[in-house]
Amino acid sequence: MKNTFGIVLAIAGIALAIYGIMMFGDSGASASVMGMDMSVQDNDMRVQSYLFIGIGVVALFGGVYLAKKK
């Protein structure tokens, strides 16, 4: 049972980390107007993406630990 739970936890960790990376990429926008570059960043979305990445990494390592534990 622990082996199955570890594998599911590892897969969920990978999914959360990928989702966090995609959120991080979508958190900013830039435009060029008359030769001037302007950019806008959503700091709340960046913080949330860091949390998703962190939780995903912890879940991945926890899942690998549970899957290998005998």
PDB file of N, CA and C in Angstrom:
ATOM      1  N   MET A   1       0.822  -1.198   0.000  1.00  0.00           N
ATOM      2  CA  MET A   1       0.000   0.000   0.000  1.00  0.00           C
ATOM      3  C   MET A   1       0.867   1.265   0.000  1.00  0.00           C
ATOM      4  N   LYS A   2       1.949   1.228   0.785  1.00  0.00           N
ATOM      5  CA  LYS A   2       2.830   2.403   0.832  1.00  0.00           C
ATOM      6  C   LYS A   2       3.484   2.651  -0.524  1.00  0.00           C
ATOM      7  N   ASN A   3       3.795   1.575  -1.235  1.00  0.00           N
ATOM      8  CA  ASN A   3       4.428   1.706  -2.541  1.00  0.00           C
ATOM      9  C   ASN A   3       3.491   2.411  -3.517  1.00  0.00           C
ATOM     10  N   THR A   4       2.222   2.026  -3.531  1.00  0.00           N
ATOM     11  CA  THR A   4       1.242   2.649  -4.424  1.00  0.00           C
ATOM     12  C   THR A   4       1.028   4.113  -4.050  1.00  0.00           C
ATOM     13  N   PHE A   5       0.913   4.385  -2.764  1.00  0.00           N
ATOM     14  CA  PHE A   5       0.712   5.758  -2.311  1.00  0.00           C
ATOM     15  C   PHE A   5       1.925   6.630  -2.661  1.00  0.00           C
ATOM     16  N   GLY A   6       3.117   6.062  -2.558  1.00  0.00           N
ATOM     17  CA  GLY A   6       4.324   6.796  -2.904  1.00  0.00           C
ATOM     18  C   GLY A   6       4.376   7.157  -4.381  1.00  0.00           C
ATOM     19  N   ILE A   7       3.975   6.214  -5.222  1.00  0.00           N
ATOM     20  CA  ILE A   7       3.968   6.481  -6.664  1.00  0.00           C
ATOM     21  C   ILE A   7       2.947   7.555  -7.005  1.00  0.00           C
ATOM     22  N   VAL A   8       1.757   7.470  -6.420  1.00  0.00           N
ATOM     23  CA  VAL A   8       0.717   8.479  -6.670  1.00  0.00           C
ATOM     24  C   VAL A   8       1.180   9.844  -6.167  1.00  0.00           C
ATOM     25  N   LEU A   9       1.820   9.869  -5.022  1.00  0.00           N
ATOM     26  CA  LEU A   9       2.315  11.134  -4.466  1.00  0.00           C
ATOM     27  C   LEU A   9       3.407  11.729  -5.346  1.00  0.00           C
ATOM     28  N   ALA A  10       4.280  10.893  -5.886  1.00  0.00           N
ATOM     29  CA  ALA A  10       5.340  11.375  -6.774  1.00  0.00           C
ATOM     30  C   ALA A  10       4.756  11.942  -8.059  1.00  0.00           C
ATOM     31  N   ILE A  11       3.765  11.275  -8.624  1.00  0.00           N
ATOM     32  CA  ILE A  11       3.127  11.770  -9.853  1.00  0.00           C
ATOM     33  C   ILE A  11       2.403  13.094  -9.584  1.00  0.00           C
ATOM     34  N   ALA A  12       1.736  13.185  -8.435  1.00  0.00           N
ATOM     35  CA  ALA A  12       1.058  14.433  -8.079  1.00  0.00           C
ATOM     36  C   ALA A  12       2.077  15.562  -7.880  1.00  0.00           C
ATOM     37  N   GLY A  13       3.233  15.242  -7.313  1.00  0.00           N
ATOM     38  CA  GLY A  13       4.284  16.238  -7.128  1.00  0.00           C
ATOM     39  C   GLY A  13       4.810  16.762  -8.450  1.00  0.00           C
ATOM     40  N   ILE A  14       4.990  15.862  -9.414  1.00  0.00           N
ATOM     41  CA  ILE A  14       5.439  16.283 -10.741  1.00  0.00           C
ATOM     42  C   ILE A  14       4.401  17.186 -11.384  1.00  0.00           C
ATOM     43  N   ALA A  15       3.123  16.806 -11.266  1.00  0.00           N
ATOM     44  CA  ALA A  15       2.049  17.606 -11.861  1.00  0.00           C
ATOM     45  C   ALA A  15       1.976  18.997 -11.219  1.00  0.00           C
ATOM     46  N   LEU A  16       2.102  19.074  -9.902  1.00  0.00           N
ATOM     47  CA  LEU A  16       2.062  20.371  -9.218  1.00  0.00           C
ATOM     48  C   LEU A  16       3.250  21.246  -9.621  1.00  0.00           C
ATOM     49  N   ALA A  17       4.419  20.653  -9.735  1.00  0.00           N
ATOM     50  CA  ALA A  17       5.596  21.435 -10.124  1.00  0.00           C
ATOM     51  C   ALA A  17       5.450  21.962 -11.552  1.00  0.00           C
ATOM     52  N   ILE A  18       4.948  21.143 -12.462  1.00  0.00           N
ATOM     53  CA  ILE A  18       4.744  21.594 -13.839  1.00  0.00           C
ATOM     54  C   ILE A  18       3.711  22.704 -13.891  1.00  0.00           C
ATOM     55  N   TYR A  19       2.624  22.556 -13.122  1.00  0.00           N
ATOM     56  CA  TYR A  19       1.591  23.595 -13.083  1.00  0.00           C
ATOM     57  C   TYR A  19       2.166  24.904 -12.530  1.00  0.00           C
ATOM     58  N   GLY A  20       3.001  24.822 -11.506  1.00  0.00           N
ATOM     59  CA  GLY A  20       3.634  26.018 -10.944  1.00  0.00           C
ATOM     60  C   GLY A  20       4.557  26.698 -11.937  1.00  0.00           C
ATOM     61  N   ILE A  21       5.298  25.904 -12.709  1.00  0.00           N
ATOM     62  CA  ILE A  21       6.184  26.476 -13.725  1.00  0.00           C
ATOM     63  C   ILE A  21       5.376  27.174 -14.813  1.00  0.00           C
ATOM     64  N   MET A  22       4.254  26.562 -15.212  1.00  0.00           N
ATOM     65  CA  MET A  22       3.399  27.195 -16.225  1.00  0.00           C
ATOM     66  C   MET A  22       2.780  28.480 -15.694  1.00  0.00           C
ATOM     67  N   MET A  23       2.388  28.491 -14.407  1.00  0.00           N
ATOM     68  CA  MET A  23       1.846  29.718 -13.813  1.00  0.00           C
ATOM     69  C   MET A  23       2.899  30.816 -13.769  1.00  0.00           C
ATOM     70  N   PHE A  24       4.131  30.440 -13.475  1.00  0.00           N
ATOM     71  CA  PHE A  24       5.205  31.426 -13.402  1.00  0.00           C
ATOM     72  C   PHE A  24       5.432  32.076 -14.760  1.00  0.00           C
ATOM     73  N   GLY A  25       5.348  31.283 -15.811  1.00  0.00           N
ATOM     74  CA  GLY A  25       5.527  31.826 -17.157  1.00  0.00           C
ATOM     75  C   GLY A  25       4.411  32.763 -17.572  1.00  0.00           C
ATOM     76  N   ASP A  26       3.208  32.541 -17.044  1.00  0.00           N
ATOM     77  CA  ASP A  26       2.063  33.367 -17.396  1.00  0.00           C
ATOM     78  C   ASP A  26       1.901  34.588 -16.494  1.00  0.00           C
ATOM     79  N   SER A  27       2.802  34.795 -15.538  1.00  0.00           N
ATOM     80  CA  SER A  27       2.609  35.852 -14.552  1.00  0.00           C
ATOM     81  C   SER A  27       3.084  37.231 -15.020  1.00  0.00           C
ATOM     82  N   GLY A  28       3.633  37.332 -16.204  1.00  0.00           N
ATOM     83  CA  GLY A  28       4.115  38.625 -16.676  1.00  0.00           C
ATOM     84  C   GLY A  28       3.775  38.835 -18.133  1.00  0.00           C
ATOM     85  N   ALA A  29       3.752  40.092 -18.517  1.00  0.00           N
ATOM     86  CA  ALA A  29       3.480  40.440 -19.912  1.00  0.00           C
ATOM     87  C   ALA A  29       4.339  41.647 -20.272  1.00  0.00           C
ATOM     88  N   SER A  30       4.697  41.723 -21.536  1.00  0.00           N
ATOM     89  CA  SER A  30       5.486  42.870 -21.983  1.00  0.00           C
ATOM     90  C   SER A  30       4.961  43.340 -23.330  1.00  0.00           C
ATOM     91  N   ALA A  31       5.203  44.622 -23.588  1.00  0.00           N
ATOM     92  CA  ALA A  31       4.769  45.221 -24.851  1.00  0.00           C
ATOM     93  C   ALA A  31       5.778  46.289 -25.256  1.00  0.00           C
ATOM     94  N   SER A  32       5.856  46.510 -26.536  1.00  0.00           N
ATOM     95  CA  SER A  32       6.742  47.544 -27.057  1.00  0.00           C
ATOM     96  C   SER A  32       5.882  48.615 -27.731  1.00  0.00           C
ATOM     97  N   VAL A  33       5.985  49.844 -27.213  1.00  0.00           N
ATOM     98  CA  VAL A  33       5.198  50.957 -27.740  1.00  0.00           C
ATOM     99  C   VAL A  33       6.161  52.059 -28.155  1.00  0.00           C
ATOM    100  N   MET A  34       6.186  52.340 -29.431  1.00  0.00           N
ATOM    101  CA  MET A  34       7.017  53.404 -29.985  1.00  0.00           C
ATOM    102  C   MET A  34       8.475  53.274 -29.552  1.00  0.00           C
ATOM    103  N   GLY A  35       8.996  52.052 -29.569  1.00  0.00           N
ATOM    104  CA  GLY A  35      10.397  51.832 -29.246  1.00  0.00           C
ATOM    105  C   GLY A  35      10.689  51.663 -27.768  1.00  0.00           C
ATOM    106  N   MET A  36       9.695  51.836 -26.899  1.00  0.00           N
ATOM    107  CA  MET A  36       9.897  51.661 -25.465  1.00  0.00           C
ATOM    108  C   MET A  36       9.312  50.318 -25.056  1.00  0.00           C
ATOM    109  N   ASP A  37      10.105  49.551 -24.298  1.00  0.00           N
ATOM    110  CA  ASP A  37       9.631  48.273 -23.796  1.00  0.00           C
ATOM    111  C   ASP A  37       8.982  48.473 -22.432  1.00  0.00           C
ATOM    112  N   MET A  38       7.788  47.943 -22.279  1.00  0.00           N
ATOM    113  CA  MET A  38       7.065  48.039 -21.015  1.00  0.00           C
ATOM    114  C   MET A  38       6.684  46.629 -20.587  1.00  0.00           C
ATOM    115  N   SER A  39       6.820  46.357 -19.292  1.00  0.00           N
ATOM    116  CA  SER A  39       6.457  45.036 -18.795  1.00  0.00           C
ATOM    117  C   SER A  39       5.669  45.172 -17.498  1.00  0.00           C
ATOM    118  N   VAL A  40       4.799  44.186 -17.277  1.00  0.00           N
ATOM    119  CA  VAL A  40       3.961  44.148 -16.081  1.00  0.00           C
ATOM    120  C   VAL A  40       4.091  42.757 -15.481  1.00  0.00           C
ATOM    121  N   GLN A  41       4.225  42.688 -14.154  1.00  0.00           N
ATOM    122  CA  GLN A  41       4.340  41.408 -13.472  1.00  0.00           C
ATOM    123  C   GLN A  41       3.280  41.327 -12.383  1.00  0.00           C
ATOM    124  N   ASP A  42       2.667  40.168 -12.273  1.00  0.00           N
ATOM    125  CA  ASP A  42       1.693  39.917 -11.223  1.00  0.00           C
ATOM    126  C   ASP A  42       2.408  39.187 -10.085  1.00  0.00           C
ATOM    127  N   ASN A  43       2.754  39.929  -9.033  1.00  0.00           N
ATOM    128  CA  ASN A  43       3.540  39.355  -7.944  1.00  0.00           C
ATOM    129  C   ASN A  43       2.766  38.303  -7.163  1.00  0.00           C
ATOM    130  N   ASP A  44       1.460  38.466  -7.013  1.00  0.00           N
ATOM    131  CA  ASP A  44       0.665  37.470  -6.297  1.00  0.00           C
ATOM    132  C   ASP A  44       0.689  36.131  -7.031  1.00  0.00           C
ATOM    133  N   MET A  45       0.617  36.180  -8.349  1.00  0.00           N
ATOM    134  CA  MET A  45       0.648  34.944  -9.121  1.00  0.00           C
ATOM    135  C   MET A  45       2.037  34.303  -9.054  1.00  0.00           C
ATOM    136  N   ARG A  46       3.073  35.113  -8.995  1.00  0.00           N
ATOM    137  CA  ARG A  46       4.431  34.562  -8.869  1.00  0.00           C
ATOM    138  C   ARG A  46       4.618  33.867  -7.534  1.00  0.00           C
ATOM    139  N   VAL A  47       4.126  34.456  -6.459  1.00  0.00           N
ATOM    140  CA  VAL A  47       4.226  33.830  -5.140  1.00  0.00           C
ATOM    141  C   VAL A  47       3.458  32.512  -5.134  1.00  0.00           C
ATOM    142  N   GLN A  48       2.281  32.513  -5.720  1.00  0.00           N
ATOM    143  CA  GLN A  48       1.484  31.299  -5.780  1.00  0.00           C
ATOM    144  C   GLN A  48       2.195  30.225  -6.612  1.00  0.00           C
ATOM    145  N   SER A  49       2.847  30.623  -7.685  1.00  0.00           N
ATOM    146  CA  SER A  49       3.563  29.643  -8.501  1.00  0.00           C
ATOM    147  C   SER A  49       4.757  29.074  -7.738  1.00  0.00           C
ATOM    148  N   TYR A  50       5.453  29.891  -6.943  1.00  0.00           N
ATOM    149  CA  TYR A  50       6.547  29.383  -6.118  1.00  0.00           C
ATOM    150  C   TYR A  50       6.019  28.357  -5.115  1.00  0.00           C
ATOM    151  N   LEU A  51       4.842  28.623  -4.546  1.00  0.00           N
ATOM    152  CA  LEU A  51       4.256  27.674  -3.601  1.00  0.00           C
ATOM    153  C   LEU A  51       3.922  26.348  -4.276  1.00  0.00           C
ATOM    154  N   PHE A  52       3.338  26.399  -5.463  1.00  0.00           N
ATOM    155  CA  PHE A  52       3.028  25.173  -6.186  1.00  0.00           C
ATOM    156  C   PHE A  52       4.292  24.392  -6.512  1.00  0.00           C
ATOM    157  N   ILE A  53       5.335  25.080  -6.928  1.00  0.00           N
ATOM    158  CA  ILE A  53       6.593  24.405  -7.247  1.00  0.00           C
ATOM    159  C   ILE A  53       7.192  23.778  -5.987  1.00  0.00           C
ATOM    160  N   GLY A  54       7.182  24.508  -4.892  1.00  0.00           N
ATOM    161  CA  GLY A  54       7.732  23.992  -3.633  1.00  0.00           C
ATOM    162  C   GLY A  54       6.968  22.790  -3.112  1.00  0.00           C
ATOM    163  N   ILE A  55       5.651  22.878  -3.116  1.00  0.00           N
ATOM    164  CA  ILE A  55       4.829  21.752  -2.655  1.00  0.00           C
ATOM    165  C   ILE A  55       5.009  20.552  -3.580  1.00  0.00           C
ATOM    166  N   GLY A  56       5.130  20.814  -4.875  1.00  0.00           N
ATOM    167  CA  GLY A  56       5.348  19.731  -5.830  1.00  0.00           C
ATOM    168  C   GLY A  56       6.668  19.016  -5.596  1.00  0.00           C
ATOM    169  N   VAL A  57       7.716  19.770  -5.319  1.00  0.00           N
ATOM    170  CA  VAL A  57       9.026  19.164  -5.067  1.00  0.00           C
ATOM    171  C   VAL A  57       9.003  18.340  -3.783  1.00  0.00           C
ATOM    172  N   VAL A  58       8.382  18.879  -2.740  1.00  0.00           N
ATOM    173  CA  VAL A  58       8.276  18.138  -1.473  1.00  0.00           C
ATOM    174  C   VAL A  58       7.472  16.854  -1.671  1.00  0.00           C
ATOM    175  N   ALA A  59       6.356  16.946  -2.402  1.00  0.00           N
ATOM    176  CA  ALA A  59       5.542  15.757  -2.659  1.00  0.00           C
ATOM    177  C   ALA A  59       6.305  14.739  -3.502  1.00  0.00           C
ATOM    178  N   LEU A  60       7.084  15.201  -4.460  1.00  0.00           N
ATOM    179  CA  LEU A  60       7.873  14.295  -5.292  1.00  0.00           C
ATOM    180  C   LEU A  60       8.894  13.541  -4.444  1.00  0.00           C
ATOM    181  N   PHE A  61       9.645  14.259  -3.614  1.00  0.00           N
ATOM    182  CA  PHE A  61      10.634  13.597  -2.772  1.00  0.00           C
ATOM    183  C   PHE A  61       9.981  12.677  -1.749  1.00  0.00           C
ATOM    184  N   GLY A  62       8.856  13.101  -1.187  1.00  0.00           N
ATOM    185  CA  GLY A  62       8.136  12.231  -0.252  1.00  0.00           C
ATOM    186  C   GLY A  62       7.622  10.969  -0.924  1.00  0.00           C
ATOM    187  N   GLY A  63       7.128  11.104  -2.133  1.00  0.00           N
ATOM    188  CA  GLY A  63       6.646   9.941  -2.871  1.00  0.00           C
ATOM    189  C   GLY A  63       7.754   8.984  -3.225  1.00  0.00           C
ATOM    190  N   VAL A  64       8.892   9.507  -3.632  1.00  0.00           N
ATOM    191  CA  VAL A  64      10.042   8.650  -3.941  1.00  0.00           C
ATOM    192  C   VAL A  64      10.532   7.949  -2.672  1.00  0.00           C
ATOM    193  N   TYR A  65      10.546   8.656  -1.558  1.00  0.00           N
ATOM    194  CA  TYR A  65      10.956   8.058  -0.291  1.00  0.00           C
ATOM    195  C   TYR A  65      10.007   6.921   0.107  1.00  0.00           C
ATOM    196  N   LEU A  66       8.708   7.152   0.001  1.00  0.00           N
ATOM    197  CA  LEU A  66       7.739   6.110   0.351  1.00  0.00           C
ATOM    198  C   LEU A  66       7.792   4.930  -0.598  1.00  0.00           C
ATOM    199  N   ALA A  67       8.039   5.200  -1.869  1.00  0.00           N
ATOM    200  CA  ALA A  67       8.089   4.107  -2.853  1.00  0.00           C
ATOM    201  C   ALA A  67       9.315   3.223  -2.636  1.00  0.00           C
ATOM    202  N   LYS A  68      10.418   3.793  -2.197  1.00  0.00           N
ATOM    203  CA  LYS A  68      11.641   3.020  -1.994  1.00  0.00           C
ATOM    204  C   LYS A  68      11.717   2.379  -0.612  1.00  0.00           C
ATOM    205  N   LYS A  69      10.933   2.886   0.334  1.00  0.00           N
ATOM    206  CA  LYS A  69      10.979   2.384   1.704  1.00  0.00           C
ATOM    207  C   LYS A  69      10.423   0.963   1.747  1.00  0.00           C
ATOM    208  N   LYS A  70      11.117   0.087   2.472  1.00  0.00           N
ATOM    209  CA  LYS A  70      10.675  -1.309   2.575  1.00  0.00           C
ATOM    210  C   LYS A  70      10.240  -1.636   3.968  1.00  0.00           C
TER     211      LYS A  70
END
